[in-house]
Amino acid sequence: MDIMMPQMNGYEATKAIRTMADRPDGRTMPIIAMTANAFTEDIQASLDAGMNAHIAKPIVIDEVIKTIAANLR
């Protein structure tokens, strides 16, 4: 999930996905933040919005693979 989108930011989009009444899978699908915002409070904001994990840019491909693998069910 991109945090800095123009119409709806990633936090808002995640909250909307998590509460979609007609899509119960929205509550459980993995959502991973990918953003240049890398401070502790940014990570916490992603988790508070309902995301499963947070990856900071610039990305490290091994971390991306590890994070995706950890969140697959």
PDB file of N, CA and C in Angstrom:
ATOM      1  N   MET A   1       0.847  -1.172   0.000  1.00  0.00           N
ATOM      2  CA  MET A   1       0.000   0.000   0.000  1.00  0.00           C
ATOM      3  C   MET A   1       0.891   1.234   0.000  1.00  0.00           C
ATOM      4  N   ASP A   2       0.681   2.092  -0.968  1.00  0.00           N
ATOM      5  CA  ASP A   2       1.372   3.373  -1.019  1.00  0.00           C
ATOM      6  C   ASP A   2       0.703   4.308  -0.015  1.00  0.00           C
ATOM      7  N   ILE A   3       1.466   4.942   0.831  1.00  0.00           N
ATOM      8  CA  ILE A   3       0.902   5.826   1.838  1.00  0.00           C
ATOM      9  C   ILE A   3       0.496   7.175   1.232  1.00  0.00           C
ATOM     10  N   MET A   4       1.267   7.663   0.278  1.00  0.00           N
ATOM     11  CA  MET A   4       1.062   9.005  -0.277  1.00  0.00           C
ATOM     12  C   MET A   4       0.327   8.981  -1.619  1.00  0.00           C
ATOM     13  N   MET A   5      -0.915   8.545  -1.621  1.00  0.00           N
ATOM     14  CA  MET A   5      -1.710   8.557  -2.844  1.00  0.00           C
ATOM     15  C   MET A   5      -2.495   9.864  -2.905  1.00  0.00           C
ATOM     16  N   PRO A   6      -2.860  10.322  -4.113  1.00  0.00           N
ATOM     17  CA  PRO A   6      -3.464  11.651  -4.249  1.00  0.00           C
ATOM     18  C   PRO A   6      -4.906  11.798  -3.748  1.00  0.00           C
ATOM     19  N   GLN A   7      -5.782  10.876  -4.020  1.00  0.00           N
ATOM     20  CA  GLN A   7      -7.187  11.033  -3.649  1.00  0.00           C
ATOM     21  C   GLN A   7      -7.488  10.549  -2.227  1.00  0.00           C
ATOM     22  N   MET A   8      -6.896   9.429  -1.881  1.00  0.00           N
ATOM     23  CA  MET A   8      -7.106   8.808  -0.575  1.00  0.00           C
ATOM     24  C   MET A   8      -5.756   8.257  -0.148  1.00  0.00           C
ATOM     25  N   ASN A   9      -5.270   8.650   1.024  1.00  0.00           N
ATOM     26  CA  ASN A   9      -3.957   8.141   1.416  1.00  0.00           C
ATOM     27  C   ASN A   9      -4.049   6.662   1.802  1.00  0.00           C
ATOM     28  N   GLY A  10      -2.918   6.043   1.963  1.00  0.00           N
ATOM     29  CA  GLY A  10      -2.877   4.607   2.243  1.00  0.00           C
ATOM     30  C   GLY A  10      -3.531   4.211   3.556  1.00  0.00           C
ATOM     31  N   TYR A  11      -3.465   5.089   4.540  1.00  0.00           N
ATOM     32  CA  TYR A  11      -4.122   4.802   5.817  1.00  0.00           C
ATOM     33  C   TYR A  11      -5.635   4.745   5.625  1.00  0.00           C
ATOM     34  N   GLU A  12      -6.165   5.735   4.910  1.00  0.00           N
ATOM     35  CA  GLU A  12      -7.609   5.780   4.651  1.00  0.00           C
ATOM     36  C   GLU A  12      -8.045   4.596   3.790  1.00  0.00           C
ATOM     37  N   ALA A  13      -7.244   4.279   2.768  1.00  0.00           N
ATOM     38  CA  ALA A  13      -7.574   3.155   1.886  1.00  0.00           C
ATOM     39  C   ALA A  13      -7.589   1.844   2.660  1.00  0.00           C
ATOM     40  N   THR A  14      -6.624   1.661   3.538  1.00  0.00           N
ATOM     41  CA  THR A  14      -6.565   0.430   4.327  1.00  0.00           C
ATOM     42  C   THR A  14      -7.780   0.322   5.241  1.00  0.00           C
ATOM     43  N   LYS A  15      -8.113   1.408   5.911  1.00  0.00           N
ATOM     44  CA  LYS A  15      -9.289   1.392   6.786  1.00  0.00           C
ATOM     45  C   LYS A  15     -10.552   1.078   5.995  1.00  0.00           C
ATOM     46  N   ALA A  16     -10.659   1.631   4.778  1.00  0.00           N
ATOM     47  CA  ALA A  16     -11.822   1.357   3.936  1.00  0.00           C
ATOM     48  C   ALA A  16     -11.871  -0.112   3.527  1.00  0.00           C
ATOM     49  N   ILE A  17     -10.740  -0.662   3.151  1.00  0.00           N
ATOM     50  CA  ILE A  17     -10.677  -2.087   2.773  1.00  0.00           C
ATOM     51  C   ILE A  17     -11.062  -2.963   3.957  1.00  0.00           C
ATOM     52  N   ARG A  18     -10.543  -2.651   5.109  1.00  0.00           N
ATOM     53  CA  ARG A  18     -10.795  -3.469   6.304  1.00  0.00           C
ATOM     54  C   ARG A  18     -12.261  -3.453   6.735  1.00  0.00           C
ATOM     55  N   THR A  19     -13.026  -2.451   6.323  1.00  0.00           N
ATOM     56  CA  THR A  19     -14.416  -2.339   6.775  1.00  0.00           C
ATOM     57  C   THR A  19     -15.439  -2.555   5.668  1.00  0.00           C
ATOM     58  N   MET A  20     -15.034  -3.064   4.516  1.00  0.00           N
ATOM     59  CA  MET A  20     -15.971  -3.285   3.417  1.00  0.00           C
ATOM     60  C   MET A  20     -16.945  -4.404   3.770  1.00  0.00           C
ATOM     61  N   ALA A  21     -18.203  -4.051   3.892  1.00  0.00           N
ATOM     62  CA  ALA A  21     -19.229  -5.020   4.301  1.00  0.00           C
ATOM     63  C   ALA A  21     -19.417  -6.135   3.279  1.00  0.00           C
ATOM     64  N   ASP A  22     -19.270  -5.817   2.008  1.00  0.00           N
ATOM     65  CA  ASP A  22     -19.493  -6.814   0.962  1.00  0.00           C
ATOM     66  C   ASP A  22     -18.234  -7.607   0.607  1.00  0.00           C
ATOM     67  N   ARG A  23     -17.135  -7.348   1.288  1.00  0.00           N
ATOM     68  CA  ARG A  23     -15.886  -8.065   1.050  1.00  0.00           C
ATOM     69  C   ARG A  23     -15.280  -8.508   2.379  1.00  0.00           C
ATOM     70  N   PRO A  24     -15.793  -9.587   2.962  1.00  0.00           N
ATOM     71  CA  PRO A  24     -15.255 -10.030   4.245  1.00  0.00           C
ATOM     72  C   PRO A  24     -13.775 -10.391   4.192  1.00  0.00           C
ATOM     73  N   ASP A  25     -13.261 -10.730   3.000  1.00  0.00           N
ATOM     74  CA  ASP A  25     -11.832 -11.025   2.885  1.00  0.00           C
ATOM     75  C   ASP A  25     -10.988  -9.765   3.099  1.00  0.00           C
ATOM     76  N   GLY A  26     -11.599  -8.603   3.026  1.00  0.00           N
ATOM     77  CA  GLY A  26     -10.884  -7.355   3.271  1.00  0.00           C
ATOM     78  C   GLY A  26     -10.346  -7.246   4.685  1.00  0.00           C
ATOM     79  N   ARG A  27     -10.947  -7.987   5.584  1.00  0.00           N
ATOM     80  CA  ARG A  27     -10.480  -7.965   6.983  1.00  0.00           C
ATOM     81  C   ARG A  27      -9.193  -8.753   7.175  1.00  0.00           C
ATOM     82  N   THR A  28      -8.946  -9.723   6.278  1.00  0.00           N
ATOM     83  CA  THR A  28      -7.817 -10.619   6.503  1.00  0.00           C
ATOM     84  C   THR A  28      -6.729 -10.562   5.433  1.00  0.00           C
ATOM     85  N   MET A  29      -7.008  -9.931   4.283  1.00  0.00           N
ATOM     86  CA  MET A  29      -5.978  -9.896   3.240  1.00  0.00           C
ATOM     87  C   MET A  29      -4.777  -9.095   3.722  1.00  0.00           C
ATOM     88  N   PRO A  30      -3.590  -9.580   3.410  1.00  0.00           N
ATOM     89  CA  PRO A  30      -2.388  -8.857   3.843  1.00  0.00           C
ATOM     90  C   PRO A  30      -2.275  -7.507   3.136  1.00  0.00           C
ATOM     91  N   ILE A  31      -1.995  -6.486   3.909  1.00  0.00           N
ATOM     92  CA  ILE A  31      -1.724  -5.154   3.374  1.00  0.00           C
ATOM     93  C   ILE A  31      -0.404  -4.701   3.985  1.00  0.00           C
ATOM     94  N   ILE A  32       0.539  -4.385   3.115  1.00  0.00           N
ATOM     95  CA  ILE A  32       1.878  -3.997   3.551  1.00  0.00           C
ATOM     96  C   ILE A  32       2.154  -2.574   3.073  1.00  0.00           C
ATOM     97  N   ALA A  33       2.499  -1.697   3.995  1.00  0.00           N
ATOM     98  CA  ALA A  33       2.853  -0.323   3.638  1.00  0.00           C
ATOM     99  C   ALA A  33       4.206  -0.322   2.938  1.00  0.00           C
ATOM    100  N   MET A  34       4.325   0.493   1.891  1.00  0.00           N
ATOM    101  CA  MET A  34       5.613   0.720   1.247  1.00  0.00           C
ATOM    102  C   MET A  34       5.732   2.225   1.060  1.00  0.00           C
ATOM    103  N   THR A  35       6.640   2.822   1.818  1.00  0.00           N
ATOM    104  CA  THR A  35       6.712   4.276   1.878  1.00  0.00           C
ATOM    105  C   THR A  35       8.100   4.755   2.276  1.00  0.00           C
ATOM    106  N   ALA A  36       8.380   6.000   1.967  1.00  0.00           N
ATOM    107  CA  ALA A  36       9.635   6.609   2.412  1.00  0.00           C
ATOM    108  C   ALA A  36       9.542   7.038   3.879  1.00  0.00           C
ATOM    109  N   ASN A  37       8.336   7.048   4.428  1.00  0.00           N
ATOM    110  CA  ASN A  37       8.144   7.405   5.831  1.00  0.00           C
ATOM    111  C   ASN A  37       8.603   6.238   6.700  1.00  0.00           C
ATOM    112  N   ALA A  38       9.704   6.427   7.402  1.00  0.00           N
ATOM    113  CA  ALA A  38      10.320   5.289   8.085  1.00  0.00           C
ATOM    114  C   ALA A  38      10.542   5.484   9.581  1.00  0.00           C
ATOM    115  N   PHE A  39       9.969   6.531  10.147  1.00  0.00           N
ATOM    116  CA  PHE A  39      10.124   6.736  11.581  1.00  0.00           C
ATOM    117  C   PHE A  39       9.224   5.773  12.356  1.00  0.00           C
ATOM    118  N   THR A  40       9.523   5.581  13.619  1.00  0.00           N
ATOM    119  CA  THR A  40       8.744   4.685  14.466  1.00  0.00           C
ATOM    120  C   THR A  40       7.264   5.043  14.437  1.00  0.00           C
ATOM    121  N   GLU A  41       6.954   6.327  14.480  1.00  0.00           N
ATOM    122  CA  GLU A  41       5.546   6.746  14.458  1.00  0.00           C
ATOM    123  C   GLU A  41       4.876   6.453  13.115  1.00  0.00           C
ATOM    124  N   ASP A  42       5.656   6.427  12.023  1.00  0.00           N
ATOM    125  CA  ASP A  42       5.106   6.071  10.713  1.00  0.00           C
ATOM    126  C   ASP A  42       4.756   4.589  10.661  1.00  0.00           C
ATOM    127  N   ILE A  43       5.630   3.782  11.207  1.00  0.00           N
ATOM    128  CA  ILE A  43       5.377   2.340  11.266  1.00  0.00           C
ATOM    129  C   ILE A  43       4.133   2.084  12.109  1.00  0.00           C
ATOM    130  N   GLN A  44       4.035   2.747  13.252  1.00  0.00           N
ATOM    131  CA  GLN A  44       2.883   2.560  14.129  1.00  0.00           C
ATOM    132  C   GLN A  44       1.598   3.030  13.463  1.00  0.00           C
ATOM    133  N   ALA A  45       1.662   4.123  12.703  1.00  0.00           N
ATOM    134  CA  ALA A  45       0.474   4.619  12.000  1.00  0.00           C
ATOM    135  C   ALA A  45      -0.013   3.591  10.982  1.00  0.00           C
ATOM    136  N   SER A  46       0.919   2.920  10.307  1.00  0.00           N
ATOM    137  CA  SER A  46       0.536   1.871   9.361  1.00  0.00           C
ATOM    138  C   SER A  46      -0.168   0.726  10.075  1.00  0.00           C
ATOM    139  N   LEU A  47       0.398   0.307  11.178  1.00  0.00           N
ATOM    140  CA  LEU A  47      -0.205  -0.788  11.944  1.00  0.00           C
ATOM    141  C   LEU A  47      -1.547  -0.369  12.531  1.00  0.00           C
ATOM    142  N   ASP A  48      -1.632   0.855  13.025  1.00  0.00           N
ATOM    143  CA  ASP A  48      -2.891   1.365  13.590  1.00  0.00           C
ATOM    144  C   ASP A  48      -3.993   1.447  12.540  1.00  0.00           C
ATOM    145  N   ALA A  49      -3.608   1.687  11.287  1.00  0.00           N
ATOM    146  CA  ALA A  49      -4.586   1.767  10.197  1.00  0.00           C
ATOM    147  C   ALA A  49      -5.079   0.389   9.773  1.00  0.00           C
ATOM    148  N   GLY A  50      -4.397  -0.658  10.239  1.00  0.00           N
ATOM    149  CA  GLY A  50      -4.819  -2.017   9.918  1.00  0.00           C
ATOM    150  C   GLY A  50      -3.897  -2.753   8.970  1.00  0.00           C
ATOM    151  N   MET A  51      -2.753  -2.157   8.658  1.00  0.00           N
ATOM    152  CA  MET A  51      -1.793  -2.844   7.789  1.00  0.00           C
ATOM    153  C   MET A  51      -1.066  -3.915   8.583  1.00  0.00           C
ATOM    154  N   ASN A  52      -0.594  -4.921   7.868  1.00  0.00           N
ATOM    155  CA  ASN A  52       0.091  -6.028   8.519  1.00  0.00           C
ATOM    156  C   ASN A  52       1.573  -5.772   8.740  1.00  0.00           C
ATOM    157  N   ALA A  53       2.165  -4.930   7.893  1.00  0.00           N
ATOM    158  CA  ALA A  53       3.603  -4.694   7.972  1.00  0.00           C
ATOM    159  C   ALA A  53       3.932  -3.373   7.294  1.00  0.00           C
ATOM    160  N   HIS A  54       5.190  -2.975   7.399  1.00  0.00           N
ATOM    161  CA  HIS A  54       5.651  -1.689   6.883  1.00  0.00           C
ATOM    162  C   HIS A  54       7.036  -1.901   6.278  1.00  0.00           C
ATOM    163  N   ILE A  55       7.204  -1.475   5.034  1.00  0.00           N
ATOM    164  CA  ILE A  55       8.502  -1.544   4.362  1.00  0.00           C
ATOM    165  C   ILE A  55       8.884  -0.118   3.972  1.00  0.00           C
ATOM    166  N   ALA A  56      10.083   0.294   4.368  1.00  0.00           N
ATOM    167  CA  ALA A  56      10.554   1.635   4.049  1.00  0.00           C
ATOM    168  C   ALA A  56      11.339   1.638   2.740  1.00  0.00           C
ATOM    169  N   LYS A  57      11.193   2.736   1.997  1.00  0.00           N
ATOM    170  CA  LYS A  57      11.978   2.947   0.785  1.00  0.00           C
ATOM    171  C   LYS A  57      13.260   3.661   1.170  1.00  0.00           C
ATOM    172  N   PRO A  58      14.339   3.474   0.474  1.00  0.00           N
ATOM    173  CA  PRO A  58      14.460   2.578  -0.668  1.00  0.00           C
ATOM    174  C   PRO A  58      14.375   1.131  -0.205  1.00  0.00           C
ATOM    175  N   ILE A  59      13.720   0.331  -1.007  1.00  0.00           N
ATOM    176  CA  ILE A  59      13.479  -1.049  -0.602  1.00  0.00           C
ATOM    177  C   ILE A  59      14.737  -1.896  -0.709  1.00  0.00           C
ATOM    178  N   VAL A  60      14.768  -2.899   0.125  1.00  0.00           N
ATOM    179  CA  VAL A  60      15.798  -3.933   0.078  1.00  0.00           C
ATOM    180  C   VAL A  60      15.044  -5.199  -0.294  1.00  0.00           C
ATOM    181  N   ILE A  61      15.317  -5.736  -1.470  1.00  0.00           N
ATOM    182  CA  ILE A  61      14.509  -6.822  -2.012  1.00  0.00           C
ATOM    183  C   ILE A  61      14.405  -8.012  -1.063  1.00  0.00           C
ATOM    184  N   ASP A  62      15.461  -8.323  -0.345  1.00  0.00           N
ATOM    185  CA  ASP A  62      15.385  -9.438   0.607  1.00  0.00           C
ATOM    186  C   ASP A  62      14.366  -9.162   1.713  1.00  0.00           C
ATOM    187  N   GLU A  63      14.273  -7.906   2.147  1.00  0.00           N
ATOM    188  CA  GLU A  63      13.282  -7.534   3.160  1.00  0.00           C
ATOM    189  C   GLU A  63      11.866  -7.598   2.594  1.00  0.00           C
ATOM    190  N   VAL A  64      11.707  -7.211   1.332  1.00  0.00           N
ATOM    191  CA  VAL A  64      10.399  -7.279   0.687  1.00  0.00           C
ATOM    192  C   VAL A  64       9.942  -8.735   0.618  1.00  0.00           C
ATOM    193  N   ILE A  65      10.810  -9.606   0.156  1.00  0.00           N
ATOM    194  CA  ILE A  65      10.482 -11.034   0.043  1.00  0.00           C
ATOM    195  C   ILE A  65      10.165 -11.616   1.414  1.00  0.00           C
ATOM    196  N   LYS A  66      10.981 -11.292   2.396  1.00  0.00           N
ATOM    197  CA  LYS A  66      10.768 -11.797   3.758  1.00  0.00           C
ATOM    198  C   LYS A  66       9.427 -11.327   4.327  1.00  0.00           C
ATOM    199  N   THR A  67       9.108 -10.047   4.103  1.00  0.00           N
ATOM    200  CA  THR A  67       7.869  -9.479   4.633  1.00  0.00           C
ATOM    201  C   THR A  67       6.651 -10.074   3.952  1.00  0.00           C
ATOM    202  N   ILE A  68       6.719 -10.203   2.644  1.00  0.00           N
ATOM    203  CA  ILE A  68       5.592 -10.827   1.915  1.00  0.00           C
ATOM    204  C   ILE A  68       5.401 -12.263   2.368  1.00  0.00           C
ATOM    205  N   ALA A  69       6.480 -13.018   2.440  1.00  0.00           N
ATOM    206  CA  ALA A  69       6.396 -14.424   2.843  1.00  0.00           C
ATOM    207  C   ALA A  69       5.812 -14.550   4.254  1.00  0.00           C
ATOM    208  N   ALA A  70       6.187 -13.657   5.150  1.00  0.00           N
ATOM    209  CA  ALA A  70       5.689 -13.711   6.529  1.00  0.00           C
ATOM    210  C   ALA A  70       4.201 -13.399   6.622  1.00  0.00           C
ATOM    211  N   ASN A  71       3.668 -12.722   5.614  1.00  0.00           N
ATOM    212  CA  ASN A  71       2.266 -12.310   5.660  1.00  0.00           C
ATOM    213  C   ASN A  71       1.347 -13.112   4.748  1.00  0.00           C
ATOM    214  N   LEU A  72       1.879 -14.100   4.069  1.00  0.00           N
ATOM    215  CA  LEU A  72       1.040 -14.986   3.271  1.00  0.00           C
ATOM    216  C   LEU A  72       0.401 -16.026   4.174  1.00  0.00           C
ATOM    217  N   ARG A  73      -0.835 -16.339   3.921  1.00  0.00           N
ATOM    218  CA  ARG A  73      -1.533 -17.317   4.761  1.00  0.00           C
ATOM    219  C   ARG A  73      -2.104 -18.399   3.921  1.00  0.00           C
TER     220      ARG A  73
END
